Amino acid sequence: MNMNKNIEPLDDKSYPHGYWERYMANTLWFKKFFINGISNGYEEKYKLEIIDSILQIDDSNITLTFNL
């Protein structure tokens, strides 16, 4: 299993395309499927416990929801 490396394929215009999997602090964060930068509806999110960390996101095509 790939516990440390994100899977983030892009199309020829640098839009997210295909199956994405992202990890944070060696923990699976989310799985999602894109077609030419648009989510096709498949998405799995996982709860993250972030303590004493700075979260920096620069992906304009991903929406994050936090329950505090």
PDB file of N, CA and C in Angstrom:
ATOM      1  N   MET A   1       0.849  -1.184   0.000  1.00  0.00           N
ATOM      2  CA  MET A   1       0.000   0.000   0.000  1.00  0.00           C
ATOM      3  C   MET A   1       0.887   1.238   0.000  1.00  0.00           C
ATOM      4  N   ASN A   2       0.439   2.249  -0.653  1.00  0.00           N
ATOM      5  CA  ASN A   2       1.178   3.492  -0.799  1.00  0.00           C
ATOM      6  C   ASN A   2       0.840   4.432   0.351  1.00  0.00           C
ATOM      7  N   MET A   3       1.648   4.432   1.405  1.00  0.00           N
ATOM      8  CA  MET A   3       1.308   5.206   2.589  1.00  0.00           C
ATOM      9  C   MET A   3       1.988   6.574   2.647  1.00  0.00           C
ATOM     10  N   ASN A   4       2.840   6.896   1.697  1.00  0.00           N
ATOM     11  CA  ASN A   4       3.592   8.122   1.800  1.00  0.00           C
ATOM     12  C   ASN A   4       3.556   8.975   0.546  1.00  0.00           C
ATOM     13  N   LYS A   5       3.008   8.499  -0.528  1.00  0.00           N
ATOM     14  CA  LYS A   5       3.103   9.210  -1.791  1.00  0.00           C
ATOM     15  C   LYS A   5       1.711   9.498  -2.335  1.00  0.00           C
ATOM     16  N   ASN A   6       1.484  10.765  -2.630  1.00  0.00           N
ATOM     17  CA  ASN A   6       0.222  11.178  -3.221  1.00  0.00           C
ATOM     18  C   ASN A   6       0.128  10.690  -4.661  1.00  0.00           C
ATOM     19  N   ILE A   7      -1.079  10.414  -5.108  1.00  0.00           N
ATOM     20  CA  ILE A   7      -1.351  10.082  -6.502  1.00  0.00           C
ATOM     21  C   ILE A   7      -2.158  11.248  -7.049  1.00  0.00           C
ATOM     22  N   GLU A   8      -1.587  12.009  -7.979  1.00  0.00           N
ATOM     23  CA  GLU A   8      -2.219  13.240  -8.465  1.00  0.00           C
ATOM     24  C   GLU A   8      -1.988  13.430  -9.966  1.00  0.00           C
ATOM     25  N   PRO A   9      -2.584  12.585 -10.821  1.00  0.00           N
ATOM     26  CA  PRO A   9      -2.355  12.732 -12.257  1.00  0.00           C
ATOM     27  C   PRO A   9      -3.030  13.985 -12.819  1.00  0.00           C
ATOM     28  N   LEU A  10      -2.397  14.563 -13.851  1.00  0.00           N
ATOM     29  CA  LEU A  10      -2.913  15.757 -14.518  1.00  0.00           C
ATOM     30  C   LEU A  10      -3.099  15.472 -16.002  1.00  0.00           C
ATOM     31  N   ASP A  11      -4.036  16.198 -16.637  1.00  0.00           N
ATOM     32  CA  ASP A  11      -4.189  16.078 -18.079  1.00  0.00           C
ATOM     33  C   ASP A  11      -3.196  17.005 -18.776  1.00  0.00           C
ATOM     34  N   ASP A  12      -3.270  17.109 -20.096  1.00  0.00           N
ATOM     35  CA  ASP A  12      -2.311  17.925 -20.853  1.00  0.00           C
ATOM     36  C   ASP A  12      -2.455  19.426 -20.606  1.00  0.00           C
ATOM     37  N   LYS A  13      -3.529  19.855 -19.946  1.00  0.00           N
ATOM     38  CA  LYS A  13      -3.721  21.267 -19.588  1.00  0.00           C
ATOM     39  C   LYS A  13      -3.454  21.508 -18.097  1.00  0.00           C
ATOM     40  N   SER A  14      -2.848  20.535 -17.446  1.00  0.00           N
ATOM     41  CA  SER A  14      -2.499  20.581 -16.020  1.00  0.00           C
ATOM     42  C   SER A  14      -3.707  20.607 -15.091  1.00  0.00           C
ATOM     43  N   TYR A  15      -4.838  20.072 -15.545  1.00  0.00           N
ATOM     44  CA  TYR A  15      -6.010  19.919 -14.690  1.00  0.00           C
ATOM     45  C   TYR A  15      -5.967  18.532 -14.052  1.00  0.00           C
ATOM     46  N   PRO A  16      -6.492  18.402 -12.825  1.00  0.00           N
ATOM     47  CA  PRO A  16      -6.576  17.066 -12.230  1.00  0.00           C
ATOM     48  C   PRO A  16      -7.377  16.139 -13.148  1.00  0.00           C
ATOM     49  N   HIS A  17      -6.853  14.934 -13.364  1.00  0.00           N
ATOM     50  CA  HIS A  17      -7.532  14.005 -14.263  1.00  0.00           C
ATOM     51  C   HIS A  17      -7.241  12.577 -13.821  1.00  0.00           C
ATOM     52  N   GLY A  18      -8.292  11.853 -13.508  1.00  0.00           N
ATOM     53  CA  GLY A  18      -8.145  10.472 -13.070  1.00  0.00           C
ATOM     54  C   GLY A  18      -8.271  10.352 -11.559  1.00  0.00           C
ATOM     55  N   TYR A  19      -7.794   9.222 -11.068  1.00  0.00           N
ATOM     56  CA  TYR A  19      -7.903   8.895  -9.646  1.00  0.00           C
ATOM     57  C   TYR A  19      -6.850   9.650  -8.846  1.00  0.00           C
ATOM     58  N   TRP A  20      -7.285  10.378  -7.834  1.00  0.00           N
ATOM     59  CA  TRP A  20      -6.393  11.111  -6.929  1.00  0.00           C
ATOM     60  C   TRP A  20      -6.468  10.484  -5.549  1.00  0.00           C
ATOM     61  N   GLU A  21      -5.319  10.431  -4.907  1.00  0.00           N
ATOM     62  CA  GLU A  21      -5.229   9.965  -3.536  1.00  0.00           C
ATOM     63  C   GLU A  21      -4.193  10.851  -2.855  1.00  0.00           C
ATOM     64  N   ARG A  22      -4.550  11.432  -1.720  1.00  0.00           N
ATOM     65  CA  ARG A  22      -3.641  12.350  -1.041  1.00  0.00           C
ATOM     66  C   ARG A  22      -3.494  11.949   0.419  1.00  0.00           C
ATOM     67  N   TYR A  23      -2.263  12.062   0.898  1.00  0.00           N
ATOM     68  CA  TYR A  23      -1.915  11.719   2.273  1.00  0.00           C
ATOM     69  C   TYR A  23      -1.416  12.957   2.997  1.00  0.00           C
ATOM     70  N   MET A  24      -1.613  12.987   4.309  1.00  0.00           N
ATOM     71  CA  MET A  24      -1.041  14.023   5.146  1.00  0.00           C
ATOM     72  C   MET A  24      -0.517  13.340   6.400  1.00  0.00           C
ATOM     73  N   ALA A  25       0.735  13.606   6.725  1.00  0.00           N
ATOM     74  CA  ALA A  25       1.380  13.011   7.901  1.00  0.00           C
ATOM     75  C   ALA A  25       1.209  11.490   7.896  1.00  0.00           C
ATOM     76  N   ASN A  26       1.462  10.866   6.723  1.00  0.00           N
ATOM     77  CA  ASN A  26       1.382   9.418   6.535  1.00  0.00           C
ATOM     78  C   ASN A  26      -0.007   8.832   6.764  1.00  0.00           C
ATOM     79  N   THR A  27      -1.037   9.676   6.719  1.00  0.00           N
ATOM     80  CA  THR A  27      -2.416   9.225   6.898  1.00  0.00           C
ATOM     81  C   THR A  27      -3.220   9.572   5.652  1.00  0.00           C
ATOM     82  N   LEU A  28      -4.000   8.602   5.172  1.00  0.00           N
ATOM     83  CA  LEU A  28      -4.830   8.844   3.996  1.00  0.00           C
ATOM     84  C   LEU A  28      -5.812   9.955   4.291  1.00  0.00           C
ATOM     85  N   TRP A  29      -5.830  10.981   3.448  1.00  0.00           N
ATOM     86  CA  TRP A  29      -6.675  12.159   3.637  1.00  0.00           C
ATOM     87  C   TRP A  29      -7.935  12.043   2.791  1.00  0.00           C
ATOM     88  N   PHE A  30      -7.777  11.817   1.477  1.00  0.00           N
ATOM     89  CA  PHE A  30      -8.955  11.647   0.635  1.00  0.00           C
ATOM     90  C   PHE A  30      -8.623  10.887  -0.633  1.00  0.00           C
ATOM     91  N   LYS A  31      -9.686  10.348  -1.234  1.00  0.00           N
ATOM     92  CA  LYS A  31      -9.640   9.719  -2.554  1.00  0.00           C
ATOM     93  C   LYS A  31     -10.693  10.435  -3.391  1.00  0.00           C
ATOM     94  N   LYS A  32     -10.383  10.702  -4.647  1.00  0.00           N
ATOM     95  CA  LYS A  32     -11.324  11.418  -5.493  1.00  0.00           C
ATOM     96  C   LYS A  32     -11.014  11.115  -6.952  1.00  0.00           C
ATOM     97  N   PHE A  33     -12.016  11.216  -7.805  1.00  0.00           N
ATOM     98  CA  PHE A  33     -11.826  10.977  -9.226  1.00  0.00           C
ATOM     99  C   PHE A  33     -12.218  12.225 -10.003  1.00  0.00           C
ATOM    100  N   PHE A  34     -11.318  12.689 -10.875  1.00  0.00           N
ATOM    101  CA  PHE A  34     -11.539  13.885 -11.687  1.00  0.00           C
ATOM    102  C   PHE A  34     -11.568  13.537 -13.163  1.00  0.00           C
ATOM    103  N   ILE A  35     -12.325  14.300 -13.916  1.00  0.00           N
ATOM    104  CA  ILE A  35     -12.301  14.248 -15.374  1.00  0.00           C
ATOM    105  C   ILE A  35     -12.078  15.666 -15.867  1.00  0.00           C
ATOM    106  N   ASN A  36     -10.892  15.917 -16.441  1.00  0.00           N
ATOM    107  CA  ASN A  36     -10.496  17.240 -16.949  1.00  0.00           C
ATOM    108  C   ASN A  36     -10.727  18.346 -15.917  1.00  0.00           C
ATOM    109  N   GLY A  37     -10.321  18.120 -14.680  1.00  0.00           N
ATOM    110  CA  GLY A  37     -10.393  19.133 -13.634  1.00  0.00           C
ATOM    111  C   GLY A  37     -11.707  19.219 -12.898  1.00  0.00           C
ATOM    112  N   ILE A  38     -12.684  18.409 -13.278  1.00  0.00           N
ATOM    113  CA  ILE A  38     -14.007  18.447 -12.649  1.00  0.00           C
ATOM    114  C   ILE A  38     -14.244  17.122 -11.930  1.00  0.00           C
ATOM    115  N   SER A  39     -14.680  17.212 -10.685  1.00  0.00           N
ATOM    116  CA  SER A  39     -14.973  16.011  -9.920  1.00  0.00           C
ATOM    117  C   SER A  39     -16.140  15.274 -10.565  1.00  0.00           C
ATOM    118  N   ASN A  40     -16.012  13.942 -10.701  1.00  0.00           N
ATOM    119  CA  ASN A  40     -17.109  13.183 -11.304  1.00  0.00           C
ATOM    120  C   ASN A  40     -18.102  12.695 -10.261  1.00  0.00           C
ATOM    121  N   GLY A  41     -17.860  13.013  -8.981  1.00  0.00           N
ATOM    122  CA  GLY A  41     -18.792  12.630  -7.931  1.00  0.00           C
ATOM    123  C   GLY A  41     -18.248  11.592  -6.982  1.00  0.00           C
ATOM    124  N   TYR A  42     -17.248  10.784  -7.424  1.00  0.00           N
ATOM    125  CA  TYR A  42     -16.651   9.807  -6.514  1.00  0.00           C
ATOM    126  C   TYR A  42     -15.694  10.525  -5.573  1.00  0.00           C
ATOM    127  N   GLU A  43     -15.921  10.367  -4.273  1.00  0.00           N
ATOM    128  CA  GLU A  43     -15.054  11.007  -3.286  1.00  0.00           C
ATOM    129  C   GLU A  43     -15.163  10.272  -1.966  1.00  0.00           C
ATOM    130  N   GLU A  44     -14.031  10.043  -1.333  1.00  0.00           N
ATOM    131  CA  GLU A  44     -13.969   9.485   0.018  1.00  0.00           C
ATOM    132  C   GLU A  44     -13.080  10.401   0.834  1.00  0.00           C
ATOM    133  N   LYS A  45     -13.565  10.837   1.987  1.00  0.00           N
ATOM    134  CA  LYS A  45     -12.790  11.685   2.884  1.00  0.00           C
ATOM    135  C   LYS A  45     -12.543  10.933   4.177  1.00  0.00           C
ATOM    136  N   TYR A  46     -11.403  11.207   4.777  1.00  0.00           N
ATOM    137  CA  TYR A  46     -11.035  10.544   6.016  1.00  0.00           C
ATOM    138  C   TYR A  46     -10.704  11.584   7.068  1.00  0.00           C
ATOM    139  N   LYS A  47     -11.058  11.290   8.302  1.00  0.00           N
ATOM    140  CA  LYS A  47     -10.804  12.211   9.399  1.00  0.00           C
ATOM    141  C   LYS A  47      -9.308  12.292   9.670  1.00  0.00           C
ATOM    142  N   LEU A  48      -8.810  13.524   9.800  1.00  0.00           N
ATOM    143  CA  LEU A  48      -7.409  13.745  10.121  1.00  0.00           C
ATOM    144  C   LEU A  48      -7.301  14.395  11.490  1.00  0.00           C
ATOM    145  N   GLU A  49      -6.365  13.953  12.252  1.00  0.00           N
ATOM    146  CA  GLU A  49      -6.047  14.581  13.529  1.00  0.00           C
ATOM    147  C   GLU A  49      -4.786  15.402  13.298  1.00  0.00           C
ATOM    148  N   ILE A  50      -4.926  16.722  13.243  1.00  0.00           N
ATOM    149  CA  ILE A  50      -3.790  17.593  13.003  1.00  0.00           C
ATOM    150  C   ILE A  50      -3.505  18.375  14.278  1.00  0.00           C
ATOM    151  N   ILE A  51      -2.343  18.151  14.836  1.00  0.00           N
ATOM    152  CA  ILE A  51      -1.951  18.824  16.073  1.00  0.00           C
ATOM    153  C   ILE A  51      -0.611  19.515  15.827  1.00  0.00           C
ATOM    154  N   ASP A  52      -0.546  20.809  16.163  1.00  0.00           N
ATOM    155  CA  ASP A  52       0.686  21.585  16.019  1.00  0.00           C
ATOM    156  C   ASP A  52       1.236  21.525  14.597  1.00  0.00           C
ATOM    157  N   SER A  53       0.376  21.632  13.610  1.00  0.00           N
ATOM    158  CA  SER A  53       0.807  21.609  12.215  1.00  0.00           C
ATOM    159  C   SER A  53       0.207  22.787  11.469  1.00  0.00           C
ATOM    160  N   ILE A  54       0.871  23.182  10.416  1.00  0.00           N
ATOM    161  CA  ILE A  54       0.354  24.224   9.538  1.00  0.00           C
ATOM    162  C   ILE A  54      -0.109  23.539   8.262  1.00  0.00           C
ATOM    163  N   LEU A  55      -1.350  23.788   7.882  1.00  0.00           N
ATOM    164  CA  LEU A  55      -1.925  23.188   6.691  1.00  0.00           C
ATOM    165  C   LEU A  55      -1.885  24.212   5.568  1.00  0.00           C
ATOM    166  N   GLN A  56      -1.186  23.886   4.478  1.00  0.00           N
ATOM    167  CA  GLN A  56      -1.090  24.782   3.344  1.00  0.00           C
ATOM    168  C   GLN A  56      -1.665  24.074   2.125  1.00  0.00           C
ATOM    169  N   ILE A  57      -2.670  24.679   1.530  1.00  0.00           N
ATOM    170  CA  ILE A  57      -3.344  24.104   0.364  1.00  0.00           C
ATOM    171  C   ILE A  57      -3.284  25.120  -0.768  1.00  0.00           C
ATOM    172  N   ASP A  58      -2.881  24.688  -1.960  1.00  0.00           N
ATOM    173  CA  ASP A  58      -2.895  25.595  -3.092  1.00  0.00           C
ATOM    174  C   ASP A  58      -3.600  24.982  -4.303  1.00  0.00           C
ATOM    175  N   ASP A  59      -4.439  23.988  -4.074  1.00  0.00           N
ATOM    176  CA  ASP A  59      -5.198  23.360  -5.151  1.00  0.00           C
ATOM    177  C   ASP A  59      -6.543  24.051  -5.289  1.00  0.00           C
ATOM    178  N   SER A  60      -6.740  24.789  -6.359  1.00  0.00           N
ATOM    179  CA  SER A  60      -7.973  25.555  -6.536  1.00  0.00           C
ATOM    180  C   SER A  60      -9.161  24.670  -6.898  1.00  0.00           C
ATOM    181  N   ASN A  61      -8.930  23.397  -7.232  1.00  0.00           N
ATOM    182  CA  ASN A  61     -10.013  22.522  -7.640  1.00  0.00           C
ATOM    183  C   ASN A  61     -10.502  21.610  -6.523  1.00  0.00           C
ATOM    184  N   ILE A  62     -10.016  21.825  -5.313  1.00  0.00           N
ATOM    185  CA  ILE A  62     -10.407  20.958  -4.202  1.00  0.00           C
ATOM    186  C   ILE A  62     -11.075  21.798  -3.120  1.00  0.00           C
ATOM    187  N   THR A  63     -12.229  21.363  -2.651  1.00  0.00           N
ATOM    188  CA  THR A  63     -12.937  22.043  -1.576  1.00  0.00           C
ATOM    189  C   THR A  63     -12.733  21.264  -0.286  1.00  0.00           C
ATOM    190  N   LEU A  64     -12.324  21.964   0.747  1.00  0.00           N
ATOM    191  CA  LEU A  64     -12.107  21.333   2.033  1.00  0.00           C
ATOM    192  C   LEU A  64     -13.221  21.723   2.995  1.00  0.00           C
ATOM    193  N   THR A  65     -13.669  20.766   3.799  1.00  0.00           N
ATOM    194  CA  THR A  65     -14.670  21.004   4.817  1.00  0.00           C
ATOM    195  C   THR A  65     -14.097  20.556   6.154  1.00  0.00           C
ATOM    196  N   PHE A  66     -14.081  21.472   7.117  1.00  0.00           N
ATOM    197  CA  PHE A  66     -13.561  21.142   8.430  1.00  0.00           C
ATOM    198  C   PHE A  66     -14.693  21.212   9.447  1.00  0.00           C
ATOM    199  N   ASN A  67     -14.798  20.211  10.287  1.00  0.00           N
ATOM    200  CA  ASN A  67     -15.748  20.205  11.388  1.00  0.00           C
ATOM    201  C   ASN A  67     -14.953  20.465  12.658  1.00  0.00           C
ATOM    202  N   LEU A  68     -15.152  21.628  13.243  1.00  0.00           N
ATOM    203  CA  LEU A  68     -14.386  21.998  14.438  1.00  0.00           C
ATOM    204  C   LEU A  68     -15.232  21.852  15.683  1.00  0.00           C
TER     205      LEU A  68
END
